[in-house]
């Protein structure tokens, strides 16, 4: 049986595989996931001050539901991230006019 961390990593990798089928390879994100794992990578990525290329590409494609930020807000992974990390993820999505439909903490 998969741990919660392994499940999150698989969902993140699946999302970025789908992004690849849309014509964009997020090599820097995938390398970070390989080096430090998906949970730690997500924590670092959502706290970055600037928008990442992969995030902007997903926005352009209308697929922000595949973003690290949206995955961080999924209820099943809520315990992997603290409230500040979820707040950063939520704000970045809100800045682009997106609200994850599974984000029940949205205020």
PDB file of N, CA and C in Angstrom:
ATOM      1  N   UNK A   1       0.833  -1.182   0.000  1.00  0.00           N
ATOM      2  CA  UNK A   1       0.000   0.000   0.000  1.00  0.00           C
ATOM      3  C   UNK A   1       0.882   1.252   0.000  1.00  0.00           C
ATOM      4  N   UNK A   2       0.497   2.241  -0.794  1.00  0.00           N
ATOM      5  CA  UNK A   2       1.259   3.478  -0.894  1.00  0.00           C
ATOM      6  C   UNK A   2       1.085   4.351   0.344  1.00  0.00           C
ATOM      7  N   UNK A   3       2.175   5.023   0.712  1.00  0.00           N
ATOM      8  CA  UNK A   3       2.058   6.041   1.752  1.00  0.00           C
ATOM      9  C   UNK A   3       1.415   7.274   1.132  1.00  0.00           C
ATOM     10  N   UNK A   4       1.003   8.199   1.967  1.00  0.00           N
ATOM     11  CA  UNK A   4       0.412   9.441   1.479  1.00  0.00           C
ATOM     12  C   UNK A   4       1.416  10.222   0.633  1.00  0.00           C
ATOM     13  N   UNK A   5       2.668  10.229   1.053  1.00  0.00           N
ATOM     14  CA  UNK A   5       3.721  10.915   0.302  1.00  0.00           C
ATOM     15  C   UNK A   5       3.919  10.283  -1.071  1.00  0.00           C
ATOM     16  N   UNK A   6       3.911   8.956  -1.124  1.00  0.00           N
ATOM     17  CA  UNK A   6       4.065   8.256  -2.408  1.00  0.00           C
ATOM     18  C   UNK A   6       2.875   8.530  -3.316  1.00  0.00           C
ATOM     19  N   UNK A   7       1.698   8.570  -2.743  1.00  0.00           N
ATOM     20  CA  UNK A   7       0.497   8.874  -3.515  1.00  0.00           C
ATOM     21  C   UNK A   7       0.575  10.281  -4.097  1.00  0.00           C
ATOM     22  N   UNK A   8       0.998  11.247  -3.281  1.00  0.00           N
ATOM     23  CA  UNK A   8       1.143  12.620  -3.766  1.00  0.00           C
ATOM     24  C   UNK A   8       2.167  12.679  -4.895  1.00  0.00           C
ATOM     25  N   UNK A   9       3.277  11.984  -4.720  1.00  0.00           N
ATOM     26  CA  UNK A   9       4.307  11.986  -5.758  1.00  0.00           C
ATOM     27  C   UNK A   9       3.754  11.416  -7.059  1.00  0.00           C
ATOM     28  N   UNK A  10       2.994  10.346  -6.987  1.00  0.00           N
ATOM     29  CA  UNK A  10       2.434   9.747  -8.196  1.00  0.00           C
ATOM     30  C   UNK A  10       1.452  10.693  -8.884  1.00  0.00           C
ATOM     31  N   UNK A  11       0.609  11.344  -8.104  1.00  0.00           N
ATOM     32  CA  UNK A  11      -0.353  12.295  -8.672  1.00  0.00           C
ATOM     33  C   UNK A  11       0.380  13.465  -9.327  1.00  0.00           C
ATOM     34  N   UNK A  12       1.429  13.958  -8.668  1.00  0.00           N
ATOM     35  CA  UNK A  12       2.201  15.055  -9.247  1.00  0.00           C
ATOM     36  C   UNK A  12       2.873  14.618 -10.546  1.00  0.00           C
ATOM     37  N   UNK A  13       3.490  13.444 -10.538  1.00  0.00           N
ATOM     38  CA  UNK A  13       4.139  12.947 -11.756  1.00  0.00           C
ATOM     39  C   UNK A  13       3.127  12.722 -12.874  1.00  0.00           C
ATOM     40  N   UNK A  14       1.952  12.210 -12.540  1.00  0.00           N
ATOM     41  CA  UNK A  14       0.896  12.028 -13.544  1.00  0.00           C
ATOM     42  C   UNK A  14       0.465  13.369 -14.133  1.00  0.00           C
ATOM     43  N   UNK A  15       0.352  14.386 -13.289  1.00  0.00           N
ATOM     44  CA  UNK A  15      -0.034  15.718 -13.760  1.00  0.00           C
ATOM     45  C   UNK A  15       0.998  16.270 -14.730  1.00  0.00           C
ATOM     46  N   UNK A  16       2.273  16.103 -14.393  1.00  0.00           N
ATOM     47  CA  UNK A  16       3.318  16.627 -15.264  1.00  0.00           C
ATOM     48  C   UNK A  16       3.501  15.773 -16.517  1.00  0.00           C
ATOM     49  N   UNK A  17       3.115  14.513 -16.456  1.00  0.00           N
ATOM     50  CA  UNK A  17       3.085  13.690 -17.665  1.00  0.00           C
ATOM     51  C   UNK A  17       2.003  14.212 -18.603  1.00  0.00           C
ATOM     52  N   UNK A  18       0.862  14.574 -18.041  1.00  0.00           N
ATOM     53  CA  UNK A  18      -0.203  15.149 -18.862  1.00  0.00           C
ATOM     54  C   UNK A  18       0.239  16.479 -19.463  1.00  0.00           C
ATOM     55  N   UNK A  19       0.948  17.281 -18.687  1.00  0.00           N
ATOM     56  CA  UNK A  19       1.489  18.535 -19.212  1.00  0.00           C
ATOM     57  C   UNK A  19       2.428  18.257 -20.384  1.00  0.00           C
ATOM     58  N   UNK A  20       3.216  17.201 -20.295  1.00  0.00           N
ATOM     59  CA  UNK A  20       4.120  16.830 -21.387  1.00  0.00           C
ATOM     60  C   UNK A  20       3.339  16.480 -22.646  1.00  0.00           C
ATOM     61  N   UNK A  21       2.189  15.818 -22.493  1.00  0.00           N
ATOM     62  CA  UNK A  21       1.382  15.489 -23.678  1.00  0.00           C
ATOM     63  C   UNK A  21       0.801  16.743 -24.317  1.00  0.00           C
ATOM     64  N   UNK A  22       0.755  17.833 -23.550  1.00  0.00           N
ATOM     65  CA  UNK A  22       0.268  19.110 -24.076  1.00  0.00           C
ATOM     66  C   UNK A  22       1.401  19.934 -24.687  1.00  0.00           C
ATOM     67  N   UNK A  23       2.605  19.357 -24.687  1.00  0.00           N
ATOM     68  CA  UNK A  23       3.718  19.988 -25.379  1.00  0.00           C
ATOM     69  C   UNK A  23       4.726  20.722 -24.520  1.00  0.00           C
ATOM     70  N   UNK A  24       4.697  20.528 -23.212  1.00  0.00           N
ATOM     71  CA  UNK A  24       5.666  21.214 -22.358  1.00  0.00           C
ATOM     72  C   UNK A  24       6.307  20.226 -21.393  1.00  0.00           C
ATOM     73  N   UNK A  25       7.620  20.207 -21.383  1.00  0.00           N
ATOM     74  CA  UNK A  25       8.377  19.354 -20.463  1.00  0.00           C
ATOM     75  C   UNK A  25       8.875  20.207 -19.298  1.00  0.00           C
ATOM     76  N   UNK A  26       8.392  19.967 -18.114  1.00  0.00           N
ATOM     77  CA  UNK A  26       8.800  20.725 -16.922  1.00  0.00           C
ATOM     78  C   UNK A  26       9.999  20.034 -16.279  1.00  0.00           C
ATOM     79  N   UNK A  27      11.115  20.064 -16.971  1.00  0.00           N
ATOM     80  CA  UNK A  27      12.296  19.317 -16.536  1.00  0.00           C
ATOM     81  C   UNK A  27      12.822  19.764 -15.183  1.00  0.00           C
ATOM     82  N   UNK A  28      12.780  21.068 -14.903  1.00  0.00           N
ATOM     83  CA  UNK A  28      13.305  21.551 -13.625  1.00  0.00           C
ATOM     84  C   UNK A  28      12.478  21.045 -12.446  1.00  0.00           C
ATOM     85  N   UNK A  29      11.161  21.018 -12.603  1.00  0.00           N
ATOM     86  CA  UNK A  29      10.288  20.510 -11.540  1.00  0.00           C
ATOM     87  C   UNK A  29      10.510  19.013 -11.359  1.00  0.00           C
ATOM     88  N   UNK A  30      10.554  18.279 -12.447  1.00  0.00           N
ATOM     89  CA  UNK A  30      10.744  16.833 -12.362  1.00  0.00           C
ATOM     90  C   UNK A  30      12.095  16.473 -11.756  1.00  0.00           C
ATOM     91  N   UNK A  31      13.122  17.251 -12.083  1.00  0.00           N
ATOM     92  CA  UNK A  31      14.441  17.006 -11.494  1.00  0.00           C
ATOM     93  C   UNK A  31      14.400  17.244  -9.986  1.00  0.00           C
ATOM     94  N   UNK A  32      13.725  18.310  -9.574  1.00  0.00           N
ATOM     95  CA  UNK A  32      13.601  18.595  -8.142  1.00  0.00           C
ATOM     96  C   UNK A  32      12.865  17.462  -7.426  1.00  0.00           C
ATOM     97  N   UNK A  33      11.812  16.943  -8.041  1.00  0.00           N
ATOM     98  CA  UNK A  33      11.055  15.834  -7.452  1.00  0.00           C
ATOM     99  C   UNK A  33      11.952  14.612  -7.296  1.00  0.00           C
ATOM    100  N   UNK A  34      12.760  14.327  -8.307  1.00  0.00           N
ATOM    101  CA  UNK A  34      13.673  13.185  -8.225  1.00  0.00           C
ATOM    102  C   UNK A  34      14.700  13.367  -7.116  1.00  0.00           C
ATOM    103  N   UNK A  35      15.166  14.598  -6.937  1.00  0.00           N
ATOM    104  CA  UNK A  35      16.223  14.859  -5.962  1.00  0.00           C
ATOM    105  C   UNK A  35      15.724  14.887  -4.520  1.00  0.00           C
ATOM    106  N   UNK A  36      14.570  15.527  -4.279  1.00  0.00           N
ATOM    107  CA  UNK A  36      14.138  15.721  -2.886  1.00  0.00           C
ATOM    108  C   UNK A  36      12.746  15.173  -2.590  1.00  0.00           C
ATOM    109  N   UNK A  37      12.088  14.614  -3.585  1.00  0.00           N
ATOM    110  CA  UNK A  37      10.747  14.076  -3.380  1.00  0.00           C
ATOM    111  C   UNK A  37       9.679  15.118  -3.654  1.00  0.00           C
ATOM    112  N   UNK A  38       8.496  14.656  -3.955  1.00  0.00           N
ATOM    113  CA  UNK A  38       7.411  15.536  -4.386  1.00  0.00           C
ATOM    114  C   UNK A  38       6.920  16.467  -3.285  1.00  0.00           C
ATOM    115  N   UNK A  39       6.831  15.980  -2.065  1.00  0.00           N
ATOM    116  CA  UNK A  39       6.305  16.823  -0.981  1.00  0.00           C
ATOM    117  C   UNK A  39       7.247  17.989  -0.713  1.00  0.00           C
ATOM    118  N   UNK A  40       8.531  17.715  -0.557  1.00  0.00           N
ATOM    119  CA  UNK A  40       9.486  18.796  -0.299  1.00  0.00           C
ATOM    120  C   UNK A  40       9.596  19.722  -1.504  1.00  0.00           C
ATOM    121  N   UNK A  41       9.553  19.170  -2.700  1.00  0.00           N
ATOM    122  CA  UNK A  41       9.580  20.006  -3.902  1.00  0.00           C
ATOM    123  C   UNK A  41       8.366  20.927  -3.938  1.00  0.00           C
ATOM    124  N   UNK A  42       7.198  20.387  -3.654  1.00  0.00           N
ATOM    125  CA  UNK A  42       5.978  21.202  -3.660  1.00  0.00           C
ATOM    126  C   UNK A  42       6.073  22.318  -2.630  1.00  0.00           C
ATOM    127  N   UNK A  43       6.593  22.010  -1.453  1.00  0.00           N
ATOM    128  CA  UNK A  43       6.744  23.038  -0.416  1.00  0.00           C
ATOM    129  C   UNK A  43       7.621  24.183  -0.903  1.00  0.00           C
ATOM    130  N   UNK A  44       8.713  23.848  -1.569  1.00  0.00           N
ATOM    131  CA  UNK A  44       9.610  24.881  -2.090  1.00  0.00           C
ATOM    132  C   UNK A  44       8.955  25.659  -3.226  1.00  0.00           C
ATOM    133  N   UNK A  45       8.278  24.947  -4.106  1.00  0.00           N
ATOM    134  CA  UNK A  45       7.707  25.590  -5.286  1.00  0.00           C
ATOM    135  C   UNK A  45       6.588  26.567  -4.950  1.00  0.00           C
ATOM    136  N   UNK A  46       5.728  26.213  -4.012  1.00  0.00           N
ATOM    137  CA  UNK A  46       4.611  27.116  -3.702  1.00  0.00           C
ATOM    138  C   UNK A  46       5.072  28.360  -2.953  1.00  0.00           C
ATOM    139  N   UNK A  47       6.244  28.310  -2.333  1.00  0.00           N
ATOM    140  CA  UNK A  47       6.747  29.465  -1.589  1.00  0.00           C
ATOM    141  C   UNK A  47       7.602  30.399  -2.449  1.00  0.00           C
ATOM    142  N   UNK A  48       7.913  29.999  -3.663  1.00  0.00           N
ATOM    143  CA  UNK A  48       8.718  30.864  -4.527  1.00  0.00           C
ATOM    144  C   UNK A  48       7.980  32.168  -4.791  1.00  0.00           C
ATOM    145  N   UNK A  49       8.732  33.248  -4.799  1.00  0.00           N
ATOM    146  CA  UNK A  49       8.123  34.568  -4.998  1.00  0.00           C
ATOM    147  C   UNK A  49       7.651  34.773  -6.432  1.00  0.00           C
ATOM    148  N   UNK A  50       8.358  34.221  -7.382  1.00  0.00           N
ATOM    149  CA  UNK A  50       7.988  34.469  -8.785  1.00  0.00           C
ATOM    150  C   UNK A  50       7.235  33.270  -9.358  1.00  0.00           C
ATOM    151  N   UNK A  51       6.492  33.553 -10.399  1.00  0.00           N
ATOM    152  CA  UNK A  51       5.748  32.486 -11.068  1.00  0.00           C
ATOM    153  C   UNK A  51       6.710  31.632 -11.875  1.00  0.00           C
ATOM    154  N   UNK A  52       6.508  30.327 -11.801  1.00  0.00           N
ATOM    155  CA  UNK A  52       7.346  29.396 -12.546  1.00  0.00           C
ATOM    156  C   UNK A  52       6.833  29.258 -13.974  1.00  0.00           C
ATOM    157  N   UNK A  53       7.737  28.843 -14.846  1.00  0.00           N
ATOM    158  CA  UNK A  53       7.377  28.648 -16.246  1.00  0.00           C
ATOM    159  C   UNK A  53       6.294  27.581 -16.402  1.00  0.00           C
ATOM    160  N   UNK A  54       6.400  26.486 -15.644  1.00  0.00           N
ATOM    161  CA  UNK A  54       5.398  25.425 -15.765  1.00  0.00           C
ATOM    162  C   UNK A  54       4.025  25.917 -15.318  1.00  0.00           C
ATOM    163  N   UNK A  55       3.978  26.722 -14.261  1.00  0.00           N
ATOM    164  CA  UNK A  55       2.711  27.271 -13.772  1.00  0.00           C
ATOM    165  C   UNK A  55       2.084  28.177 -14.828  1.00  0.00           C
ATOM    166  N   UNK A  56       2.892  29.034 -15.423  1.00  0.00           N
ATOM    167  CA  UNK A  56       2.373  29.949 -16.443  1.00  0.00           C
ATOM    168  C   UNK A  56       1.907  29.184 -17.680  1.00  0.00           C
ATOM    169  N   UNK A  57       2.605  28.134 -18.024  1.00  0.00           N
ATOM    170  CA  UNK A  57       2.197  27.319 -19.176  1.00  0.00           C
ATOM    171  C   UNK A  57       0.850  26.652 -18.897  1.00  0.00           C
ATOM    172  N   UNK A  58       0.669  26.133 -17.701  1.00  0.00           N
ATOM    173  CA  UNK A  58      -0.619  25.531 -17.339  1.00  0.00           C
ATOM    174  C   UNK A  58      -1.731  26.576 -17.372  1.00  0.00           C
ATOM    175  N   UNK A  59      -1.442  27.789 -16.928  1.00  0.00           N
ATOM    176  CA  UNK A  59      -2.427  28.874 -16.980  1.00  0.00           C
ATOM    177  C   UNK A  59      -2.801  29.176 -18.432  1.00  0.00           C
ATOM    178  N   UNK A  60      -1.790  29.275 -19.298  1.00  0.00           N
ATOM    179  CA  UNK A  60      -2.044  29.536 -20.721  1.00  0.00           C
ATOM    180  C   UNK A  60      -2.919  28.451 -21.340  1.00  0.00           C
ATOM    181  N   UNK A  61      -2.720  27.222 -20.904  1.00  0.00           N
ATOM    182  CA  UNK A  61      -3.479  26.084 -21.435  1.00  0.00           C
ATOM    183  C   UNK A  61      -4.838  25.905 -20.751  1.00  0.00           C
ATOM    184  N   UNK A  62      -5.103  26.708 -19.725  1.00  0.00           N
ATOM    185  CA  UNK A  62      -6.352  26.552 -18.981  1.00  0.00           C
ATOM    186  C   UNK A  62      -6.394  25.272 -18.171  1.00  0.00           C
ATOM    187  N   UNK A  63      -5.236  24.846 -17.660  1.00  0.00           N
ATOM    188  CA  UNK A  63      -5.128  23.566 -16.948  1.00  0.00           C
ATOM    189  C   UNK A  63      -4.481  23.720 -15.572  1.00  0.00           C
ATOM    190  N   UNK A  64      -4.809  24.778 -14.860  1.00  0.00           N
ATOM    191  CA  UNK A  64      -4.215  24.981 -13.541  1.00  0.00           C
ATOM    192  C   UNK A  64      -4.557  23.881 -12.547  1.00  0.00           C
ATOM    193  N   UNK A  65      -5.564  23.079 -12.847  1.00  0.00           N
ATOM    194  CA  UNK A  65      -5.875  21.957 -11.948  1.00  0.00           C
ATOM    195  C   UNK A  65      -4.737  20.942 -11.894  1.00  0.00           C
ATOM    196  N   UNK A  66      -3.824  21.004 -12.861  1.00  0.00           N
ATOM    197  CA  UNK A  66      -2.668  20.108 -12.885  1.00  0.00           C
ATOM    198  C   UNK A  66      -1.463  20.684 -12.141  1.00  0.00           C
ATOM    199  N   UNK A  67      -1.560  21.912 -11.685  1.00  0.00           N
ATOM    200  CA  UNK A  67      -0.413  22.583 -11.062  1.00  0.00           C
ATOM    201  C   UNK A  67      -0.105  22.025  -9.674  1.00  0.00           C
ATOM    202  N   UNK A  68       1.138  22.205  -9.274  1.00  0.00           N
ATOM    203  CA  UNK A  68       1.555  21.830  -7.924  1.00  0.00           C
ATOM    204  C   UNK A  68       0.657  22.524  -6.906  1.00  0.00           C
ATOM    205  N   UNK A  69       0.360  23.798  -7.156  1.00  0.00           N
ATOM    206  CA  UNK A  69      -0.463  24.578  -6.228  1.00  0.00           C
ATOM    207  C   UNK A  69      -1.835  23.946  -6.035  1.00  0.00           C
ATOM    208  N   UNK A  70      -2.456  23.519  -7.113  1.00  0.00           N
ATOM    209  CA  UNK A  70      -3.778  22.888  -7.012  1.00  0.00           C
ATOM    210  C   UNK A  70      -3.689  21.538  -6.310  1.00  0.00           C
ATOM    211  N   UNK A  71      -2.630  20.792  -6.571  1.00  0.00           N
ATOM    212  CA  UNK A  71      -2.470  19.484  -5.927  1.00  0.00           C
ATOM    213  C   UNK A  71      -2.266  19.622  -4.424  1.00  0.00           C
ATOM    214  N   UNK A  72      -1.546  20.651  -4.007  1.00  0.00           N
ATOM    215  CA  UNK A  72      -1.319  20.906  -2.582  1.00  0.00           C
ATOM    216  C   UNK A  72      -2.646  21.101  -1.851  1.00  0.00           C
ATOM    217  N   UNK A  73      -3.648  21.619  -2.540  1.00  0.00           N
ATOM    218  CA  UNK A  73      -4.939  21.925  -1.918  1.00  0.00           C
ATOM    219  C   UNK A  73      -5.920  20.755  -1.929  1.00  0.00           C
ATOM    220  N   UNK A  74      -5.548  19.645  -2.561  1.00  0.00           N
ATOM    221  CA  UNK A  74      -6.464  18.500  -2.561  1.00  0.00           C
ATOM    222  C   UNK A  74      -6.654  17.983  -1.140  1.00  0.00           C
ATOM    223  N   UNK A  75      -7.896  17.736  -0.744  1.00  0.00           N
ATOM    224  CA  UNK A  75      -8.185  17.340   0.647  1.00  0.00           C
ATOM    225  C   UNK A  75      -7.389  16.135   1.127  1.00  0.00           C
ATOM    226  N   UNK A  76      -7.164  15.168   0.265  1.00  0.00           N
ATOM    227  CA  UNK A  76      -6.461  13.959   0.689  1.00  0.00           C
ATOM    228  C   UNK A  76      -4.989  14.218   1.027  1.00  0.00           C
ATOM    229  N   UNK A  77      -4.436  15.353   0.560  1.00  0.00           N
ATOM    230  CA  UNK A  77      -3.032  15.672   0.827  1.00  0.00           C
ATOM    231  C   UNK A  77      -2.874  16.831   1.807  1.00  0.00           C
ATOM    232  N   UNK A  78      -3.970  17.288   2.367  1.00  0.00           N
ATOM    233  CA  UNK A  78      -3.978  18.444   3.263  1.00  0.00           C
ATOM    234  C   UNK A  78      -2.974  18.301   4.402  1.00  0.00           C
ATOM    235  N   UNK A  79      -2.855  17.130   4.962  1.00  0.00           N
ATOM    236  CA  UNK A  79      -1.976  16.938   6.121  1.00  0.00           C
ATOM    237  C   UNK A  79      -0.488  16.984   5.769  1.00  0.00           C
ATOM    238  N   UNK A  80      -0.161  16.924   4.489  1.00  0.00           N
ATOM    239  CA  UNK A  80       1.242  16.981   4.076  1.00  0.00           C
ATOM    240  C   UNK A  80       1.793  18.406   4.078  1.00  0.00           C
ATOM    241  N   UNK A  81       0.895  19.394   4.111  1.00  0.00           N
ATOM    242  CA  UNK A  81       1.300  20.792   3.969  1.00  0.00           C
ATOM    243  C   UNK A  81       0.709  21.627   5.094  1.00  0.00           C
ATOM    244  N   UNK A  82       1.479  22.590   5.561  1.00  0.00           N
ATOM    245  CA  UNK A  82       0.966  23.433   6.640  1.00  0.00           C
ATOM    246  C   UNK A  82       0.056  24.532   6.079  1.00  0.00           C
ATOM    247  N   UNK A  83      -0.598  25.243   6.962  1.00  0.00           N
ATOM    248  CA  UNK A  83      -1.573  26.245   6.521  1.00  0.00           C
ATOM    249  C   UNK A  83      -0.922  27.362   5.715  1.00  0.00           C
ATOM    250  N   UNK A  84       0.314  27.719   6.036  1.00  0.00           N
ATOM    251  CA  UNK A  84       1.017  28.757   5.283  1.00  0.00           C
ATOM    252  C   UNK A  84       1.302  28.299   3.853  1.00  0.00           C
ATOM    253  N   UNK A  85       1.714  27.058   3.692  1.00  0.00           N
ATOM    254  CA  UNK A  85       1.975  26.516   2.348  1.00  0.00           C
ATOM    255  C   UNK A  85       0.685  26.466   1.539  1.00  0.00           C
ATOM    256  N   UNK A  86      -0.401  26.041   2.167  1.00  0.00           N
ATOM    257  CA  UNK A  86      -1.694  26.006   1.463  1.00  0.00           C
ATOM    258  C   UNK A  86      -2.156  27.415   1.111  1.00  0.00           C
ATOM    259  N   UNK A  87      -1.901  28.357   2.015  1.00  0.00           N
ATOM    260  CA  UNK A  87      -2.268  29.756   1.756  1.00  0.00           C
ATOM    261  C   UNK A  87      -1.523  30.296   0.536  1.00  0.00           C
ATOM    262  N   UNK A  88      -0.224  30.021   0.455  1.00  0.00           N
ATOM    263  CA  UNK A  88       0.567  30.465  -0.698  1.00  0.00           C
ATOM    264  C   UNK A  88       0.043  29.843  -1.990  1.00  0.00           C
ATOM    265  N   UNK A  89      -0.246  28.561  -1.944  1.00  0.00           N
ATOM    266  CA  UNK A  89      -0.772  27.869  -3.129  1.00  0.00           C
ATOM    267  C   UNK A  89      -2.107  28.474  -3.551  1.00  0.00           C
ATOM    268  N   UNK A  90      -2.980  28.681  -2.595  1.00  0.00           N
ATOM    269  CA  UNK A  90      -4.315  29.235  -2.855  1.00  0.00           C
ATOM    270  C   UNK A  90      -4.210  30.646  -3.447  1.00  0.00           C
ATOM    271  N   UNK A  91      -3.315  31.458  -2.885  1.00  0.00           N
ATOM    272  CA  UNK A  91      -3.169  32.835  -3.357  1.00  0.00           C
ATOM    273  C   UNK A  91      -2.627  32.882  -4.783  1.00  0.00           C
ATOM    274  N   UNK A  92      -1.654  32.027  -5.076  1.00  0.00           N
ATOM    275  CA  UNK A  92      -1.102  32.014  -6.430  1.00  0.00           C
ATOM    276  C   UNK A  92      -2.180  31.647  -7.450  1.00  0.00           C
ATOM    277  N   UNK A  93      -3.000  30.679  -7.122  1.00  0.00           N
ATOM    278  CA  UNK A  93      -4.099  30.297  -8.010  1.00  0.00           C
ATOM    279  C   UNK A  93      -5.119  31.425  -8.116  1.00  0.00           C
ATOM    280  N   UNK A  94      -5.454  32.040  -6.988  1.00  0.00           N
ATOM    281  CA  UNK A  94      -6.429  33.135  -6.988  1.00  0.00           C
ATOM    282  C   UNK A  94      -5.928  34.316  -7.811  1.00  0.00           C
ATOM    283  N   UNK A  95      -4.627  34.573  -7.770  1.00  0.00           N
ATOM    284  CA  UNK A  95      -4.051  35.661  -8.567  1.00  0.00           C
ATOM    285  C   UNK A  95      -4.298  35.463 -10.057  1.00  0.00           C
ATOM    286  N   UNK A  96      -4.464  34.211 -10.460  1.00  0.00           N
ATOM    287  CA  UNK A  96      -4.705  33.894 -11.867  1.00  0.00           C
ATOM    288  C   UNK A  96      -6.192  33.665 -12.144  1.00  0.00           C
ATOM    289  N   UNK A  97      -7.027  33.945 -11.151  1.00  0.00           N
ATOM    290  CA  UNK A  97      -8.470  33.800 -11.328  1.00  0.00           C
ATOM    291  C   UNK A  97      -8.962  32.371 -11.244  1.00  0.00           C
ATOM    292  N   UNK A  98      -8.204  31.521 -10.564  1.00  0.00           N
ATOM    293  CA  UNK A  98      -8.572  30.108 -10.479  1.00  0.00           C
ATOM    294  C   UNK A  98      -8.811  29.709  -9.029  1.00  0.00           C
ATOM    295  N   UNK A  99      -9.835  28.926  -8.823  1.00  0.00           N
ATOM    296  CA  UNK A  99     -10.104  28.312  -7.521  1.00  0.00           C
ATOM    297  C   UNK A  99     -10.260  26.814  -7.745  1.00  0.00           C
ATOM    298  N   UNK A 100      -9.447  26.042  -7.057  1.00  0.00           N
ATOM    299  CA  UNK A 100      -9.541  24.584  -7.173  1.00  0.00           C
ATOM    300  C   UNK A 100     -10.895  24.136  -6.632  1.00  0.00           C
ATOM    301  N   UNK A 101     -11.666  23.373  -7.405  1.00  0.00           N
ATOM    302  CA  UNK A 101     -13.005  22.974  -6.965  1.00  0.00           C
ATOM    303  C   UNK A 101     -12.998  22.110  -5.712  1.00  0.00           C
ATOM    304  N   UNK A 102     -11.876  21.504  -5.387  1.00  0.00           N
ATOM    305  CA  UNK A 102     -11.778  20.651  -4.201  1.00  0.00           C
ATOM    306  C   UNK A 102     -11.237  21.421  -2.988  1.00  0.00           C
ATOM    307  N   UNK A 103     -11.023  22.723  -3.125  1.00  0.00           N
ATOM    308  CA  UNK A 103     -10.459  23.520  -2.036  1.00  0.00           C
ATOM    309  C   UNK A 103     -11.569  24.005  -1.116  1.00  0.00           C
ATOM    310  N   UNK A 104     -11.834  23.243  -0.068  1.00  0.00           N
ATOM    311  CA  UNK A 104     -12.909  23.570   0.864  1.00  0.00           C
ATOM    312  C   UNK A 104     -12.491  24.588   1.918  1.00  0.00           C
ATOM    313  N   UNK A 105     -11.195  24.884   1.995  1.00  0.00           N
ATOM    314  CA  UNK A 105     -10.713  25.868   2.963  1.00  0.00           C
ATOM    315  C   UNK A 105     -10.841  27.278   2.422  1.00  0.00           C
ATOM    316  N   UNK A 106     -11.184  27.396   1.163  1.00  0.00           N
ATOM    317  CA  UNK A 106     -11.200  28.698   0.497  1.00  0.00           C
ATOM    318  C   UNK A 106     -12.025  29.689   1.299  1.00  0.00           C
ATOM    319  N   UNK A 107     -11.418  30.832   1.549  1.00  0.00           N
ATOM    320  CA  UNK A 107     -12.140  31.848   2.328  1.00  0.00           C
ATOM    321  C   UNK A 107     -12.437  33.063   1.487  1.00  0.00           C
TER     322      UNK A 107
END
